[in-house]
N, C-alpha and C. Protein backbone atom coordinates (compact mmCIF):
# COMPACT_ATOMS: atom_id res chain seq x y z
N UNK A 1 125.14 66.99 43.57
CA UNK A 1 125.04 67.97 42.41
C UNK A 1 125.06 67.36 41.22
N UNK A 2 124.35 67.45 40.20
CA UNK A 2 124.50 66.88 38.81
C UNK A 2 125.64 67.53 38.06
N UNK A 3 125.86 66.73 36.96
CA UNK A 3 127.04 67.39 36.22
C UNK A 3 126.74 68.64 35.54
N UNK A 4 125.30 68.91 35.33
CA UNK A 4 125.05 70.15 34.55
C UNK A 4 125.09 71.26 35.61
N UNK A 5 124.79 70.85 36.84
CA UNK A 5 124.69 71.93 38.00
C UNK A 5 126.27 72.41 38.39
N UNK A 6 127.00 71.26 38.26
CA UNK A 6 128.56 71.55 38.60
C UNK A 6 129.08 72.40 37.55
N UNK A 7 128.70 71.91 36.16
CA UNK A 7 129.26 72.77 35.07
C UNK A 7 128.76 74.31 35.15
N UNK A 8 127.49 74.45 35.46
CA UNK A 8 127.13 75.75 35.63
C UNK A 8 127.77 76.62 36.66
N UNK A 9 128.00 75.99 37.86
CA UNK A 9 128.75 76.65 38.87
C UNK A 9 130.15 76.99 38.44
N UNK A 10 130.72 76.02 37.81
CA UNK A 10 132.19 76.22 37.27
C UNK A 10 132.26 77.23 36.17
N UNK A 11 131.24 77.21 35.38
CA UNK A 11 131.13 78.09 34.21
C UNK A 11 130.97 79.58 34.66
N UNK A 12 130.15 79.79 35.71
CA UNK A 12 129.97 81.06 36.34
C UNK A 12 131.34 81.47 37.03
N UNK A 13 132.15 80.65 37.67
CA UNK A 13 133.23 80.96 38.13
C UNK A 13 134.38 81.37 37.06
N UNK A 14 134.33 80.59 35.89
CA UNK A 14 135.20 80.98 34.93
C UNK A 14 134.80 82.36 34.29
N UNK A 15 133.58 82.59 34.18
CA UNK A 15 133.22 83.92 33.59
C UNK A 15 133.56 84.99 34.54
N UNK A 16 133.42 84.72 35.83
CA UNK A 16 133.70 85.86 36.77
C UNK A 16 135.30 86.08 36.77
N UNK A 17 136.16 85.10 36.65
CA UNK A 17 137.63 85.20 36.43
C UNK A 17 137.98 86.02 35.26
N UNK A 18 137.31 85.61 34.05
CA UNK A 18 137.83 86.20 32.86
C UNK A 18 137.24 87.56 32.56
N UNK A 19 135.93 87.90 33.03
CA UNK A 19 135.28 88.94 32.68
C UNK A 19 135.21 89.95 33.76
N UNK A 20 135.37 89.63 35.06
CA UNK A 20 135.43 90.53 36.23
C UNK A 20 136.61 90.60 37.06
N UNK A 21 137.20 89.54 37.46
CA UNK A 21 138.44 89.67 38.31
C UNK A 21 139.42 90.16 37.50
N UNK A 22 139.86 89.57 36.42
CA UNK A 22 141.16 90.04 35.67
C UNK A 22 140.88 91.46 35.17
N UNK A 23 139.75 91.99 34.84
CA UNK A 23 139.48 93.31 34.48
C UNK A 23 139.84 94.19 35.66
N UNK A 24 139.61 93.80 36.83
CA UNK A 24 139.89 94.54 38.15
C UNK A 24 141.39 94.60 38.21
N UNK A 25 142.12 93.21 38.02
CA UNK A 25 143.45 93.22 38.35
C UNK A 25 144.28 94.10 37.20
N UNK A 26 143.63 94.19 35.96
CA UNK A 26 144.51 95.07 34.95
C UNK A 26 144.77 96.32 35.48
N UNK A 27 143.83 97.01 36.21
CA UNK A 27 144.18 98.44 36.52
C UNK A 27 145.50 98.47 37.33
N UNK A 28 145.64 97.76 38.62
CA UNK A 28 146.99 97.80 39.30
C UNK A 28 148.15 97.34 38.54
N UNK A 29 147.95 96.34 37.63
CA UNK A 29 149.11 95.90 36.75
C UNK A 29 149.46 96.73 35.65
N UNK A 30 148.44 97.66 35.28
CA UNK A 30 148.76 98.48 34.04
C UNK A 30 149.95 99.42 34.20
N UNK A 31 150.38 99.63 35.36
CA UNK A 31 151.65 100.51 35.57
C UNK A 31 152.77 99.74 35.03
N UNK A 32 152.62 98.44 34.75
CA UNK A 32 153.83 97.69 34.27
C UNK A 32 153.84 97.87 32.69
N UNK A 33 152.71 98.28 32.12
CA UNK A 33 152.63 98.36 30.59
C UNK A 33 151.54 97.40 30.28
N UNK A 34 150.78 97.72 29.11
CA UNK A 34 149.79 97.02 28.70
C UNK A 34 150.02 95.45 28.42
N UNK A 35 151.05 95.16 27.79
CA UNK A 35 151.17 93.79 27.28
C UNK A 35 151.63 92.93 28.57
N UNK A 36 152.39 93.50 29.51
CA UNK A 36 152.79 92.75 30.49
C UNK A 36 151.58 92.52 31.53
N UNK A 37 150.64 93.47 31.60
CA UNK A 37 149.47 93.16 32.15
C UNK A 37 148.57 92.25 31.63
N UNK A 38 148.48 92.15 30.36
CA UNK A 38 147.78 91.29 29.67
C UNK A 38 148.30 89.83 30.01
N UNK A 39 149.56 89.69 30.01
CA UNK A 39 150.10 88.29 30.25
C UNK A 39 150.04 87.93 31.55
N UNK A 40 150.22 88.81 32.59
CA UNK A 40 149.89 88.36 34.02
C UNK A 40 148.59 88.08 34.15
N UNK A 41 147.45 88.80 33.52
CA UNK A 41 146.13 88.44 33.59
C UNK A 41 145.86 87.06 32.97
N UNK A 42 146.52 86.70 31.78
CA UNK A 42 146.34 85.38 31.24
C UNK A 42 146.78 84.29 32.19
N UNK A 43 147.79 84.56 33.10
CA UNK A 43 148.17 83.53 33.95
C UNK A 43 147.35 83.41 35.01
N UNK A 44 146.79 84.43 35.48
CA UNK A 44 145.67 84.42 36.42
C UNK A 44 144.54 83.58 35.91
N UNK A 45 144.14 83.58 34.91
CA UNK A 45 143.11 82.72 34.16
C UNK A 45 143.41 81.45 34.00
N UNK A 46 144.66 81.27 33.61
CA UNK A 46 145.28 79.80 33.59
C UNK A 46 145.00 79.09 34.90
N UNK A 47 145.48 79.69 36.03
CA UNK A 47 145.42 78.95 37.16
C UNK A 47 144.05 78.96 37.90
N UNK A 48 143.25 80.00 37.88
CA UNK A 48 142.13 80.15 38.63
C UNK A 48 141.00 79.61 37.90
N UNK A 49 141.08 79.74 36.59
CA UNK A 49 140.04 79.06 35.77
C UNK A 49 140.35 77.53 35.27
N UNK A 50 141.26 77.55 34.35
CA UNK A 50 141.77 76.06 33.80
C UNK A 50 142.31 75.30 35.09
N UNK A 51 143.07 75.80 35.88
CA UNK A 51 143.60 74.91 36.90
C UNK A 51 142.55 74.44 38.13
N UNK A 52 141.81 75.42 38.57
CA UNK A 52 140.74 75.00 39.43
C UNK A 52 139.73 73.97 38.85
N UNK A 53 139.25 74.35 37.65
CA UNK A 53 138.32 73.34 36.98
C UNK A 53 138.84 71.90 36.82
N UNK A 54 140.20 71.94 36.39
CA UNK A 54 140.91 70.68 36.17
C UNK A 54 140.84 69.76 37.49
N UNK A 55 141.17 70.52 38.71
CA UNK A 55 141.32 69.69 39.90
C UNK A 55 139.91 69.20 40.25
N UNK A 56 138.84 69.80 39.72
CA UNK A 56 137.42 69.43 40.14
C UNK A 56 136.79 68.52 39.12
N UNK A 57 137.53 68.17 37.95
CA UNK A 57 137.10 67.21 36.99
C UNK A 57 136.71 65.96 37.63
N UNK A 58 137.40 65.33 38.56
CA UNK A 58 136.74 63.93 39.13
C UNK A 58 135.45 64.10 39.72
N UNK A 59 135.03 65.21 40.05
CA UNK A 59 133.60 65.34 40.62
C UNK A 59 132.53 65.18 39.64
N UNK A 60 132.92 65.22 38.38
CA UNK A 60 131.88 65.03 37.44
C UNK A 60 131.71 63.34 37.23
N UNK A 61 130.70 63.00 36.72
CA UNK A 61 130.24 61.46 36.64
C UNK A 61 130.80 61.10 35.27
N UNK A 62 131.21 61.91 34.24
CA UNK A 62 131.78 61.51 33.15
C UNK A 62 132.44 62.60 32.35
N UNK A 63 133.05 62.38 31.34
CA UNK A 63 133.87 63.42 30.68
C UNK A 63 133.15 64.29 29.85
N UNK A 64 131.91 63.82 29.43
CA UNK A 64 131.13 64.72 28.47
C UNK A 64 130.79 66.17 28.83
N UNK A 65 130.25 66.31 29.92
CA UNK A 65 129.96 67.77 30.32
C UNK A 65 131.19 68.62 30.32
N UNK A 66 132.25 68.20 31.18
CA UNK A 66 133.43 69.06 31.14
C UNK A 66 134.04 69.31 29.70
N UNK A 67 134.16 68.43 29.03
CA UNK A 67 134.59 68.60 27.58
C UNK A 67 133.82 69.47 26.77
N UNK A 68 132.63 69.33 26.84
CA UNK A 68 131.71 70.21 25.89
C UNK A 68 131.74 71.50 26.51
N UNK A 69 131.87 71.75 27.87
CA UNK A 69 132.00 73.06 28.45
C UNK A 69 133.29 73.65 28.10
N UNK A 70 134.36 72.95 28.02
CA UNK A 70 135.83 73.44 27.43
C UNK A 70 135.64 73.92 26.06
N UNK A 71 134.93 73.34 25.41
CA UNK A 71 134.91 73.58 23.85
C UNK A 71 133.94 74.81 23.75
N UNK A 72 132.89 74.99 24.53
CA UNK A 72 131.98 76.04 24.59
C UNK A 72 132.83 77.30 25.01
N UNK A 73 133.72 77.17 26.01
CA UNK A 73 134.61 78.41 26.42
C UNK A 73 135.70 78.69 25.30
N UNK A 74 136.01 77.67 24.56
CA UNK A 74 136.98 78.08 23.37
C UNK A 74 136.20 78.73 22.47
N UNK A 75 134.93 78.49 22.16
CA UNK A 75 134.11 79.22 21.14
C UNK A 75 133.89 80.77 21.61
N UNK A 76 133.66 80.72 23.03
CA UNK A 76 133.41 82.12 23.50
C UNK A 76 134.88 83.09 23.46
N UNK A 77 135.94 82.30 23.61
CA UNK A 77 137.21 83.16 23.40
C UNK A 77 137.51 83.40 22.06
N UNK A 78 137.11 82.61 21.07
CA UNK A 78 137.44 82.77 19.68
C UNK A 78 136.61 83.90 19.08
N UNK A 79 135.41 84.12 19.46
CA UNK A 79 134.45 85.18 18.99
C UNK A 79 135.09 86.44 19.05
N UNK A 80 135.70 86.96 20.12
CA UNK A 80 136.28 88.29 20.12
C UNK A 80 137.33 88.48 19.05
N UNK A 81 138.11 87.53 18.84
CA UNK A 81 139.21 87.47 17.68
C UNK A 81 138.43 87.54 16.40
N UNK A 82 137.52 86.83 16.11
CA UNK A 82 136.75 86.84 14.86
C UNK A 82 136.15 88.20 14.59
N UNK A 83 135.47 88.71 15.59
CA UNK A 83 134.85 90.02 15.37
C UNK A 83 135.54 91.31 15.59
N UNK A 84 136.81 91.05 16.17
CA UNK A 84 137.67 92.23 16.31
C UNK A 84 137.45 93.01 17.61
N UNK A 85 136.50 92.46 18.31
CA UNK A 85 136.26 93.11 19.72
C UNK A 85 136.81 92.34 20.79
N UNK A 86 138.07 92.55 21.02
CA UNK A 86 138.82 91.76 21.98
C UNK A 86 138.54 92.06 23.38
N UNK A 87 138.56 91.14 24.26
CA UNK A 87 138.59 91.32 25.59
C UNK A 87 140.09 91.83 26.07
N UNK A 88 140.24 93.06 25.87
CA UNK A 88 141.59 93.75 25.80
C UNK A 88 142.50 93.50 27.03
N UNK A 89 141.75 93.17 28.18
CA UNK A 89 142.46 93.13 29.42
C UNK A 89 143.34 91.89 29.68
N UNK A 90 142.88 90.71 28.57
CA UNK A 90 143.78 89.40 28.60
C UNK A 90 143.94 88.89 27.36
N UNK A 91 143.24 89.39 26.18
CA UNK A 91 143.55 88.81 25.00
C UNK A 91 144.57 89.65 24.16
N UNK A 92 145.44 88.96 23.41
CA UNK A 92 146.46 89.56 22.39
C UNK A 92 145.99 89.45 21.11
N UNK A 93 146.09 90.59 20.43
CA UNK A 93 145.47 90.48 18.98
C UNK A 93 146.51 89.76 18.10
N UNK A 94 147.72 89.46 18.50
CA UNK A 94 148.62 88.76 17.70
C UNK A 94 148.64 87.16 18.00
N UNK A 95 147.83 86.78 18.94
CA UNK A 95 147.68 85.26 18.84
C UNK A 95 146.37 84.92 19.53
N UNK A 96 145.88 83.61 19.43
CA UNK A 96 144.73 83.13 20.02
C UNK A 96 145.14 81.92 21.02
N UNK A 97 146.26 81.95 21.62
CA UNK A 97 146.71 80.88 22.44
C UNK A 97 145.78 80.52 23.59
N UNK A 98 144.87 81.43 24.16
CA UNK A 98 143.92 81.18 25.05
C UNK A 98 142.81 80.17 24.33
N UNK A 99 142.58 80.20 23.11
CA UNK A 99 141.64 79.40 22.50
C UNK A 99 142.15 77.92 22.39
N UNK A 100 143.53 77.89 22.06
CA UNK A 100 144.23 76.40 22.02
C UNK A 100 144.17 76.03 23.40
N UNK A 101 144.26 76.74 24.33
CA UNK A 101 144.39 76.22 25.74
C UNK A 101 143.06 75.59 26.13
N UNK A 102 141.85 76.11 25.88
CA UNK A 102 140.62 75.61 26.11
C UNK A 102 140.28 74.35 25.17
N UNK A 103 140.81 74.46 24.03
CA UNK A 103 140.49 73.24 23.13
C UNK A 103 141.34 72.11 23.72
N UNK A 104 142.53 72.31 23.88
CA UNK A 104 143.38 71.17 24.42
C UNK A 104 143.01 70.64 25.73
N UNK A 105 142.50 71.50 26.60
CA UNK A 105 141.99 71.08 28.02
C UNK A 105 140.91 70.12 27.87
N UNK A 106 140.04 70.50 27.00
CA UNK A 106 138.86 69.53 26.60
C UNK A 106 139.34 68.37 26.01
N UNK A 107 140.29 68.40 25.09
CA UNK A 107 140.67 67.20 24.44
C UNK A 107 141.30 66.21 25.04
N UNK A 108 142.29 66.58 26.02
CA UNK A 108 142.95 65.56 26.92
C UNK A 108 142.00 65.02 27.91
N UNK A 109 141.11 65.64 28.38
CA UNK A 109 140.12 65.30 29.33
C UNK A 109 139.29 64.19 28.66
N UNK A 110 138.78 64.40 27.38
CA UNK A 110 138.01 63.53 26.60
C UNK A 110 138.63 62.32 26.21
N UNK A 111 139.95 62.37 25.81
CA UNK A 111 140.69 61.25 25.42
C UNK A 111 140.92 60.37 26.70
N UNK A 112 141.40 60.97 27.66
CA UNK A 112 141.88 60.23 28.87
C UNK A 112 140.78 59.45 29.43
N UNK A 113 139.70 60.05 29.78
CA UNK A 113 138.52 59.50 30.50
C UNK A 113 137.72 58.89 29.59
N UNK A 114 137.30 59.53 28.40
CA UNK A 114 136.29 58.83 27.47
C UNK A 114 136.78 57.72 26.77
N UNK A 115 137.99 57.80 26.35
CA UNK A 115 138.60 56.77 25.46
C UNK A 115 139.34 55.70 26.41
N UNK A 116 140.12 56.23 27.45
CA UNK A 116 141.04 55.33 28.17
C UNK A 116 140.50 54.98 29.60
N UNK A 117 139.51 55.79 29.95
CA UNK A 117 138.85 55.30 31.31
C UNK A 117 139.67 55.89 32.50
N UNK A 118 140.75 56.71 32.29
CA UNK A 118 141.43 57.25 33.38
C UNK A 118 141.43 58.63 33.38
N UNK A 119 140.67 59.38 34.20
CA UNK A 119 140.73 60.97 34.08
C UNK A 119 142.05 61.54 34.35
N UNK A 120 142.97 60.78 35.17
CA UNK A 120 144.20 61.45 35.54
C UNK A 120 145.08 61.54 34.50
N UNK A 121 144.98 60.80 33.27
CA UNK A 121 145.94 61.04 32.16
C UNK A 121 145.56 62.23 31.50
N UNK A 122 144.43 62.86 31.77
CA UNK A 122 144.04 64.02 31.00
C UNK A 122 144.31 65.33 31.98
N UNK A 123 143.87 65.03 33.28
CA UNK A 123 143.90 66.13 34.23
C UNK A 123 145.33 66.60 34.57
N UNK A 124 146.18 65.65 34.63
CA UNK A 124 147.69 66.01 34.97
C UNK A 124 148.24 66.90 33.82
N UNK A 125 148.25 66.41 32.49
CA UNK A 125 148.66 67.41 31.49
C UNK A 125 147.83 68.75 31.43
N UNK A 126 146.65 68.67 31.79
CA UNK A 126 145.80 69.99 32.02
C UNK A 126 146.44 70.94 33.03
N UNK A 127 146.80 70.30 34.03
CA UNK A 127 147.31 71.00 35.15
C UNK A 127 148.72 71.49 34.84
N UNK A 128 149.51 70.72 34.10
CA UNK A 128 150.85 71.15 33.67
C UNK A 128 150.65 72.49 32.76
N UNK A 129 149.57 72.41 31.89
CA UNK A 129 149.49 73.61 31.07
C UNK A 129 148.80 74.75 31.81
N UNK A 130 148.10 74.48 32.84
CA UNK A 130 147.27 75.64 33.47
C UNK A 130 148.08 76.24 34.68
N UNK A 131 148.76 75.40 35.49
CA UNK A 131 149.53 75.86 36.57
C UNK A 131 150.98 75.86 36.39
N UNK A 132 151.54 74.75 35.82
CA UNK A 132 152.96 74.76 35.60
C UNK A 132 153.55 75.83 34.53
N UNK A 133 152.81 75.97 33.51
CA UNK A 133 153.06 76.94 32.46
C UNK A 133 152.96 78.21 33.01
N UNK A 134 151.91 78.58 33.78
CA UNK A 134 151.86 79.70 34.54
C UNK A 134 153.01 80.17 35.35
N UNK A 135 153.67 79.38 35.92
CA UNK A 135 155.05 79.70 36.53
C UNK A 135 156.05 80.28 35.68
N UNK A 136 156.10 79.74 34.28
CA UNK A 136 157.00 80.23 33.35
C UNK A 136 156.81 81.52 32.98
N UNK A 137 155.54 81.89 32.79
CA UNK A 137 155.22 83.38 32.38
C UNK A 137 155.28 84.30 33.44
N UNK A 138 154.96 84.04 34.74
CA UNK A 138 155.25 84.88 35.72
C UNK A 138 156.68 85.22 35.94
N UNK A 139 157.60 84.16 36.00
CA UNK A 139 159.03 84.29 36.20
C UNK A 139 159.64 85.06 35.12
N UNK A 140 159.32 84.69 33.88
CA UNK A 140 159.94 85.41 32.79
C UNK A 140 159.30 86.91 32.61
N UNK A 141 158.09 87.14 32.94
CA UNK A 141 157.46 88.48 32.88
C UNK A 141 158.25 89.34 33.89
N UNK A 142 158.56 88.79 35.05
CA UNK A 142 159.26 89.38 36.09
C UNK A 142 160.72 89.66 35.75
N UNK A 143 161.36 88.73 35.11
CA UNK A 143 162.73 88.97 34.93
C UNK A 143 163.04 89.75 33.60
N UNK A 144 162.21 89.53 32.61
CA UNK A 144 162.51 90.16 31.17
C UNK A 144 161.59 91.17 30.84
N UNK A 145 160.46 91.30 31.81
CA UNK A 145 159.39 92.34 31.34
C UNK A 145 158.81 92.20 30.03
N UNK A 146 158.61 90.97 29.59
CA UNK A 146 157.98 90.88 28.16
C UNK A 146 157.72 89.31 28.06
N UNK A 147 156.91 88.91 27.10
CA UNK A 147 156.84 87.64 26.84
C UNK A 147 157.91 86.95 26.12
N UNK A 148 158.69 86.16 26.58
CA UNK A 148 159.74 85.46 25.87
C UNK A 148 160.11 84.18 26.34
N UNK A 149 160.99 83.37 25.80
CA UNK A 149 161.32 82.07 26.00
C UNK A 149 162.59 82.08 26.74
N UNK A 150 162.71 81.55 27.84
CA UNK A 150 164.09 81.38 28.48
C UNK A 150 164.13 80.27 29.49
N UNK A 151 165.11 79.64 29.73
CA UNK A 151 165.11 78.44 30.65
C UNK A 151 164.73 78.70 31.95
N UNK A 152 165.06 79.97 32.37
CA UNK A 152 164.59 80.22 33.81
C UNK A 152 163.11 79.82 34.04
N UNK A 153 162.25 80.17 33.15
CA UNK A 153 160.86 79.88 33.21
C UNK A 153 160.66 78.37 33.21
N UNK A 154 161.37 77.62 32.38
CA UNK A 154 161.39 76.17 32.40
C UNK A 154 161.63 75.54 33.88
N UNK A 155 162.69 76.09 34.48
CA UNK A 155 163.03 75.63 35.71
C UNK A 155 161.87 75.87 36.64
N UNK A 156 161.22 76.93 36.71
CA UNK A 156 160.26 77.28 37.52
C UNK A 156 158.97 76.52 37.23
N UNK A 157 158.72 76.15 35.96
CA UNK A 157 157.64 75.32 35.62
C UNK A 157 157.97 73.74 36.11
N UNK A 158 159.09 73.36 36.16
CA UNK A 158 159.45 72.05 36.63
C UNK A 158 159.31 72.01 38.08
N UNK A 159 159.55 73.08 38.79
CA UNK A 159 159.49 73.10 40.23
C UNK A 159 157.92 73.00 40.62
N UNK A 160 156.98 73.44 39.67
CA UNK A 160 155.62 73.22 39.99
C UNK A 160 154.97 72.09 39.46
N UNK A 161 155.50 71.53 38.30
CA UNK A 161 154.94 70.37 37.56
C UNK A 161 155.20 69.18 38.06
N UNK A 162 156.51 68.99 38.52
CA UNK A 162 157.09 67.72 39.06
C UNK A 162 156.20 67.23 40.28
N UNK A 163 155.94 68.09 41.20
CA UNK A 163 155.11 67.79 42.38
C UNK A 163 153.70 67.46 41.99
N UNK A 164 153.14 68.04 41.09
CA UNK A 164 151.64 68.00 40.66
C UNK A 164 151.59 66.50 40.01
N UNK A 165 152.73 66.26 39.17
CA UNK A 165 152.75 64.87 38.52
C UNK A 165 152.78 63.71 39.45
N UNK A 166 153.73 64.06 40.48
CA UNK A 166 153.95 63.09 41.42
C UNK A 166 152.65 62.65 42.36
N UNK A 167 152.02 63.68 42.83
CA UNK A 167 150.88 63.77 43.56
C UNK A 167 149.86 62.77 43.02
N UNK A 168 149.55 62.91 41.59
CA UNK A 168 148.61 62.18 40.87
C UNK A 168 149.03 60.85 40.43
N UNK A 169 150.29 60.77 39.93
CA UNK A 169 150.63 59.60 39.16
C UNK A 169 152.13 59.02 39.51
N UNK A 170 152.50 59.43 40.73
CA UNK A 170 153.84 59.09 41.10
C UNK A 170 154.96 59.29 40.24
N UNK A 171 155.97 58.29 40.04
CA UNK A 171 157.15 58.53 39.28
C UNK A 171 156.91 58.95 37.92
N UNK A 172 155.74 58.37 37.35
CA UNK A 172 155.55 58.50 35.80
C UNK A 172 154.99 60.05 35.69
N UNK A 173 154.24 60.50 36.62
CA UNK A 173 153.72 61.76 36.76
C UNK A 173 154.76 62.82 36.77
N UNK A 174 155.71 62.49 37.68
CA UNK A 174 156.90 63.45 37.83
C UNK A 174 157.60 63.57 36.54
N UNK A 175 157.93 62.33 35.94
CA UNK A 175 158.66 62.40 34.69
C UNK A 175 158.03 63.11 33.55
N UNK A 176 156.59 63.02 33.49
CA UNK A 176 155.78 63.73 32.72
C UNK A 176 155.90 65.35 32.91
N UNK A 177 155.97 65.60 34.15
CA UNK A 177 156.11 66.98 34.48
C UNK A 177 157.46 67.61 34.08
N UNK A 178 158.52 66.80 34.16
CA UNK A 178 159.84 67.20 33.62
C UNK A 178 159.69 67.39 32.01
N UNK A 179 159.10 66.46 31.39
CA UNK A 179 158.91 66.51 29.97
C UNK A 179 158.19 67.77 29.55
N UNK A 180 157.05 67.89 30.07
CA UNK A 180 156.11 69.05 29.83
C UNK A 180 156.97 70.34 30.00
N UNK A 181 157.93 70.42 31.18
CA UNK A 181 158.63 71.55 31.34
C UNK A 181 159.67 71.85 30.34
N UNK A 182 160.30 70.75 29.71
CA UNK A 182 161.18 70.92 28.64
C UNK A 182 160.59 71.37 27.32
N UNK A 183 159.48 70.65 27.10
CA UNK A 183 158.73 70.97 25.73
C UNK A 183 158.14 72.40 25.86
N UNK A 184 157.89 72.98 26.92
CA UNK A 184 157.29 74.33 26.83
C UNK A 184 158.33 75.27 26.22
N UNK A 185 159.42 75.04 26.35
CA UNK A 185 160.57 75.98 25.86
C UNK A 185 160.42 76.36 24.29
N UNK A 186 159.56 75.31 23.47
CA UNK A 186 159.51 75.40 22.14
C UNK A 186 158.20 75.81 21.46
N UNK A 187 158.08 76.44 20.58
CA UNK A 187 156.94 76.87 19.84
C UNK A 187 157.09 76.61 18.34
N UNK A 188 156.16 76.29 17.61
CA UNK A 188 156.35 76.20 16.05
C UNK A 188 154.78 76.78 15.54
N UNK A 189 154.83 78.21 15.53
CA UNK A 189 153.71 79.00 15.20
C UNK A 189 153.06 78.26 13.94
N UNK A 190 151.69 78.22 13.87
CA UNK A 190 150.70 78.53 14.81
C UNK A 190 150.66 77.43 15.97
N UNK A 191 151.36 76.55 16.17
CA UNK A 191 151.29 75.47 17.29
C UNK A 191 152.09 76.27 18.50
N UNK A 192 151.40 76.37 19.51
CA UNK A 192 151.95 76.97 20.65
C UNK A 192 152.31 76.10 21.74
N UNK A 193 152.79 76.50 22.91
CA UNK A 193 153.02 75.57 24.07
C UNK A 193 151.79 75.10 24.74
N UNK A 194 150.57 75.83 24.47
CA UNK A 194 149.29 75.34 25.12
C UNK A 194 148.99 73.97 24.33
N UNK A 195 149.56 73.74 23.10
CA UNK A 195 149.26 72.50 22.46
C UNK A 195 150.43 71.51 22.77
N UNK A 196 151.66 71.87 22.75
CA UNK A 196 152.64 71.03 22.85
C UNK A 196 152.85 70.45 24.35
N UNK A 197 152.63 71.16 25.34
CA UNK A 197 152.65 70.88 26.72
C UNK A 197 151.74 69.65 27.11
N UNK A 198 150.35 69.90 26.85
CA UNK A 198 149.49 68.80 27.26
C UNK A 198 149.66 67.69 26.27
N UNK A 199 149.86 67.90 24.95
CA UNK A 199 149.97 66.75 23.96
C UNK A 199 151.21 65.79 24.34
N UNK A 200 152.35 66.44 24.73
CA UNK A 200 153.57 65.63 24.93
C UNK A 200 153.35 64.88 26.05
N UNK A 201 153.02 65.47 27.24
CA UNK A 201 152.87 64.87 28.49
C UNK A 201 151.80 63.74 28.42
N UNK A 202 150.69 64.03 27.73
CA UNK A 202 149.67 63.06 27.58
C UNK A 202 150.06 61.81 26.92
N UNK A 203 150.74 62.03 25.68
CA UNK A 203 151.11 60.91 25.02
C UNK A 203 152.20 60.01 25.87
N UNK A 204 153.03 60.83 26.66
CA UNK A 204 154.00 59.99 27.43
C UNK A 204 153.38 59.23 28.47
N UNK A 205 152.19 59.87 29.11
CA UNK A 205 151.57 59.16 30.07
C UNK A 205 150.73 57.98 29.60
N UNK A 206 150.21 58.01 28.57
CA UNK A 206 149.51 56.96 27.90
C UNK A 206 150.40 55.82 27.62
N UNK A 207 151.68 56.22 27.05
CA UNK A 207 152.61 55.14 26.77
C UNK A 207 153.09 54.31 27.90
N UNK A 208 153.24 55.22 29.13
CA UNK A 208 153.74 54.51 30.33
C UNK A 208 152.66 53.68 30.86
N UNK A 209 151.37 54.16 30.88
CA UNK A 209 150.17 53.51 31.32
C UNK A 209 150.03 52.06 30.45
N UNK A 210 150.26 52.10 29.22
CA UNK A 210 149.96 51.04 28.36
C UNK A 210 151.03 49.99 28.60
N UNK A 211 152.45 50.51 28.69
CA UNK A 211 153.49 49.47 28.75
C UNK A 211 153.94 49.12 30.09
N UNK A 212 153.82 49.87 31.06
CA UNK A 212 154.37 49.69 32.30
C UNK A 212 153.40 49.75 33.42
N UNK A 213 152.18 50.40 33.30
CA UNK A 213 151.19 50.48 34.21
C UNK A 213 151.68 51.82 35.06
N UNK A 214 150.74 52.53 35.59
CA UNK A 214 150.97 53.64 36.38
C UNK A 214 150.75 53.39 37.81
N UNK A 215 149.82 52.63 38.21
CA UNK A 215 149.33 52.41 39.55
C UNK A 215 150.37 52.09 40.36
């Protein structure tokens, strides 16, 4: 399968998750309230779109197609905010964090693989953002019934992110998972955790790779 064929298949999967699956899950979730349903759906998209595609990045022959695809998805997600025609079952009129998610996903993959030659340095931060951060949102939504920051979510994120980091990069990856889980607690609007989590863990892994070696 060529890079374009793989991108087309994964693009179709992402469109299915964002436009079909989460629209279906919104109905049973809606009994919890609109915004809680929106944020649960966002986490579904994080995991099934961003997370699944990140795991499959090594099957591409280079960073170019997955990066361009991520930026195309970011544009697709930005347009409803610009036009005022939101995809209401997962988009929040008060922020565009799903756009920064797609941009950062593509950026860390491009920098790690295209510039440094090691896709793991980008895939691991992308997974922290996609899968680890989803644990925070799910736990907090269940505990507090709204989007909020609380350390309970960070503990849940660490429980997910540390094993992911260890699997790909050993001790350095596990340490990056802890760092990402700590950083997620903070936001500096308009800079959100979808920027801080992958950026902090990526910089950390690059530093460890350059100074100590990860292998």
